[in-house]
Amino acid sequence: MKRMLLGTSIFVILTGFFGMNNNLEIAMNVTGIVGIAGILLGGFLKTGFISSSAPVLGNLAVIKLDNTINLSNTILLLAMPNFIGAAVLYFMI
C-alpha cells in the first residue's frame, strides 16, 4: 500500500508541477513515460531476456535477484498509478 501511495504522490507532484505551468499535455507525456518504463522494467525483472541468444545464467541471475529483493513488484506498483493517471489525463484533455 505504501508503494502504491508513493506512485500516486509522484503522479500528483508531476501533474501539479506541470499543471501550474498550464502544460497538462507535458504532464500526460511525462507520467505516461514513467508508467510505461516502469512496467517494462518490472516485466523484464520478472522474466529476464526472452530470446534464443540470451544467456541462461544471466537470466537466472536476474530472476533470482528479483525474487530475493522483490524489486519488480515495487517498480510495478510505483509505475501503475502514473500509467493510469496519464490515461485519465489523455481523456480529460
C-alpha atoms as a PDB file:
ATOM      1  CA  MET A   1       0.000   0.000   0.000  1.00  0.00           C
ATOM      2  CA  LYS A   2       2.887   2.359   0.746  1.00  0.00           C
ATOM      3  CA  ARG A   3       4.350   1.753  -2.708  1.00  0.00           C
ATOM      4  CA  MET A   4       1.060   2.492  -4.429  1.00  0.00           C
ATOM      5  CA  LEU A   5       0.691   5.671  -2.374  1.00  0.00           C
ATOM      6  CA  LEU A   6       4.234   6.702  -3.319  1.00  0.00           C
ATOM      7  CA  GLY A   7       3.445   6.144  -7.010  1.00  0.00           C
ATOM      8  CA  THR A   8       0.283   8.204  -6.676  1.00  0.00           C
ATOM      9  CA  SER A   9       2.166  11.006  -4.945  1.00  0.00           C
ATOM     10  CA  ILE A  10       4.764  11.017  -7.749  1.00  0.00           C
ATOM     11  CA  PHE A  11       1.918  11.404 -10.245  1.00  0.00           C
ATOM     12  CA  VAL A  12       0.279  14.201  -8.231  1.00  0.00           C
ATOM     13  CA  ILE A  13       3.579  16.090  -7.833  1.00  0.00           C
ATOM     14  CA  LEU A  14       4.400  15.838 -11.551  1.00  0.00           C
ATOM     15  CA  THR A  15       0.885  16.797 -12.600  1.00  0.00           C
ATOM     16  CA  GLY A  16       0.820  19.690 -10.145  1.00  0.00           C
ATOM     17  CA  PHE A  17       4.192  20.964 -11.311  1.00  0.00           C
ATOM     18  CA  PHE A  18       3.268  20.919 -14.976  1.00  0.00           C
ATOM     19  CA  GLY A  19      -0.322  21.985 -14.258  1.00  0.00           C
ATOM     20  CA  MET A  20       0.859  25.209 -12.626  1.00  0.00           C
ATOM     21  CA  ASN A  21       2.642  25.998 -15.881  1.00  0.00           C
ATOM     22  CA  ASN A  22      -0.501  25.196 -17.908  1.00  0.00           C
ATOM     23  CA  ASN A  23       1.232  22.242 -19.558  1.00  0.00           C
ATOM     24  CA  LEU A  24      -1.031  19.300 -18.785  1.00  0.00           C
ATOM     25  CA  GLU A  25      -0.055  17.743 -22.120  1.00  0.00           C
ATOM     26  CA  ILE A  26       3.556  17.533 -20.950  1.00  0.00           C
ATOM     27  CA  ALA A  27       2.386  16.115 -17.609  1.00  0.00           C
ATOM     28  CA  MET A  28       0.473  13.444 -19.512  1.00  0.00           C
ATOM     29  CA  ASN A  29       3.541  12.575 -21.593  1.00  0.00           C
ATOM     30  CA  VAL A  30       5.989  12.512 -18.664  1.00  0.00           C
ATOM     31  CA  THR A  31       3.763  10.410 -16.411  1.00  0.00           C
ATOM     32  CA  GLY A  32       2.996   8.092 -19.322  1.00  0.00           C
ATOM     33  CA  ILE A  33       6.700   7.575 -19.966  1.00  0.00           C
ATOM     34  CA  VAL A  34       7.330   6.930 -16.266  1.00  0.00           C
ATOM     35  CA  GLY A  35       4.466   4.421 -16.241  1.00  0.00           C
ATOM     36  CA  ILE A  36       5.451   2.554 -19.386  1.00  0.00           C
ATOM     37  CA  ALA A  37       9.158   2.481 -18.473  1.00  0.00           C
ATOM     38  CA  GLY A  38       8.303   1.106 -15.037  1.00  0.00           C
ATOM     39  CA  ILE A  39       6.034  -1.558 -16.461  1.00  0.00           C
ATOM     40  CA  LEU A  40       8.684  -2.636 -18.978  1.00  0.00           C
ATOM     41  CA  LEU A  41      11.449  -2.678 -16.365  1.00  0.00           C
ATOM     42  CA  GLY A  42       9.317  -4.578 -13.870  1.00  0.00           C
ATOM     43  CA  GLY A  43       8.351  -7.112 -16.539  1.00  0.00           C
ATOM     44  CA  PHE A  44      11.988  -7.560 -17.537  1.00  0.00           C
ATOM     45  CA  LEU A  45      12.982  -8.227 -13.944  1.00  0.00           C
ATOM     46  CA  LYS A  46      10.165 -10.760 -13.618  1.00  0.00           C
ATOM     47  CA  THR A  47      11.010 -12.742 -16.774  1.00  0.00           C
ATOM     48  CA  GLY A  48      14.576 -11.879 -17.849  1.00  0.00           C
ATOM     49  CA  PHE A  49      15.506 -11.715 -21.521  1.00  0.00           C
ATOM     50  CA  ILE A  50      13.315 -13.809 -23.776  1.00  0.00           C
ATOM     51  CA  SER A  51      15.469 -14.649 -26.752  1.00  0.00           C
ATOM     52  CA  SER A  52      17.158 -17.646 -28.286  1.00  0.00           C
ATOM     53  CA  SER A  53      20.550 -15.978 -27.888  1.00  0.00           C
ATOM     54  CA  ALA A  54      20.025 -14.738 -24.309  1.00  0.00           C
ATOM     55  CA  PRO A  55      22.499 -16.127 -21.765  1.00  0.00           C
ATOM     56  CA  VAL A  56      20.764 -18.596 -19.465  1.00  0.00           C
ATOM     57  CA  LEU A  57      22.923 -17.827 -16.442  1.00  0.00           C
ATOM     58  CA  GLY A  58      22.254 -14.099 -16.804  1.00  0.00           C
ATOM     59  CA  ASN A  59      18.510 -14.685 -16.933  1.00  0.00           C
ATOM     60  CA  LEU A  60      18.596 -16.924 -13.901  1.00  0.00           C
ATOM     61  CA  ALA A  61      20.674 -14.369 -12.012  1.00  0.00           C
ATOM     62  CA  VAL A  62      18.253 -11.546 -12.827  1.00  0.00           C
ATOM     63  CA  ILE A  63      15.208 -13.616 -11.876  1.00  0.00           C
ATOM     64  CA  LYS A  64      16.826 -14.887  -8.656  1.00  0.00           C
ATOM     65  CA  LEU A  65      17.880 -11.353  -7.688  1.00  0.00           C
ATOM     66  CA  ASP A  66      14.339 -10.138  -8.296  1.00  0.00           C
ATOM     67  CA  ASN A  67      12.905 -12.916  -6.163  1.00  0.00           C
ATOM     68  CA  THR A  68      15.320 -12.023  -3.384  1.00  0.00           C
ATOM     69  CA  ILE A  69      14.650  -8.286  -3.173  1.00  0.00           C
ATOM     70  CA  ASN A  70      11.156  -8.206  -4.773  1.00  0.00           C
ATOM     71  CA  LEU A  71      12.095  -5.232  -6.927  1.00  0.00           C
ATOM     72  CA  SER A  72       9.767  -5.897  -9.861  1.00  0.00           C
ATOM     73  CA  ASN A  73       6.627  -5.640  -7.729  1.00  0.00           C
ATOM     74  CA  THR A  74       7.890  -2.383  -6.215  1.00  0.00           C
ATOM     75  CA  ILE A  75       8.580  -0.892  -9.634  1.00  0.00           C
ATOM     76  CA  LEU A  76       5.214  -2.040 -10.990  1.00  0.00           C
ATOM     77  CA  LEU A  77       3.349  -0.574  -8.022  1.00  0.00           C
ATOM     78  CA  LEU A  78       5.170   2.743  -8.491  1.00  0.00           C
ATOM     79  CA  ALA A  79       4.507   2.808 -12.240  1.00  0.00           C
ATOM     80  CA  MET A  80       0.845   1.789 -12.382  1.00  0.00           C
ATOM     81  CA  PRO A  81      -0.647   4.993 -10.894  1.00  0.00           C
ATOM     82  CA  ASN A  82       1.438   7.037 -13.324  1.00  0.00           C
ATOM     83  CA  PHE A  83       0.272   4.996 -16.296  1.00  0.00           C
ATOM     84  CA  ILE A  84      -3.385   5.088 -15.212  1.00  0.00           C
ATOM     85  CA  GLY A  85      -3.135   8.801 -14.448  1.00  0.00           C
ATOM     86  CA  ALA A  86      -1.656   9.502 -17.884  1.00  0.00           C
ATOM     87  CA  ALA A  87      -4.592   7.663 -19.484  1.00  0.00           C
ATOM     88  CA  VAL A  88      -7.056   9.701 -17.394  1.00  0.00           C
ATOM     89  CA  LEU A  89      -5.280  12.940 -18.386  1.00  0.00           C
ATOM     90  CA  TYR A  90      -5.460  11.871 -22.032  1.00  0.00           C
ATOM     91  CA  PHE A  91      -9.242  11.561 -21.881  1.00  0.00           C
ATOM     92  CA  MET A  92      -9.643  14.762 -19.825  1.00  0.00           C
ATOM     93  CA  ILE A  93      -7.646  16.997 -22.177  1.00  0.00           C
END
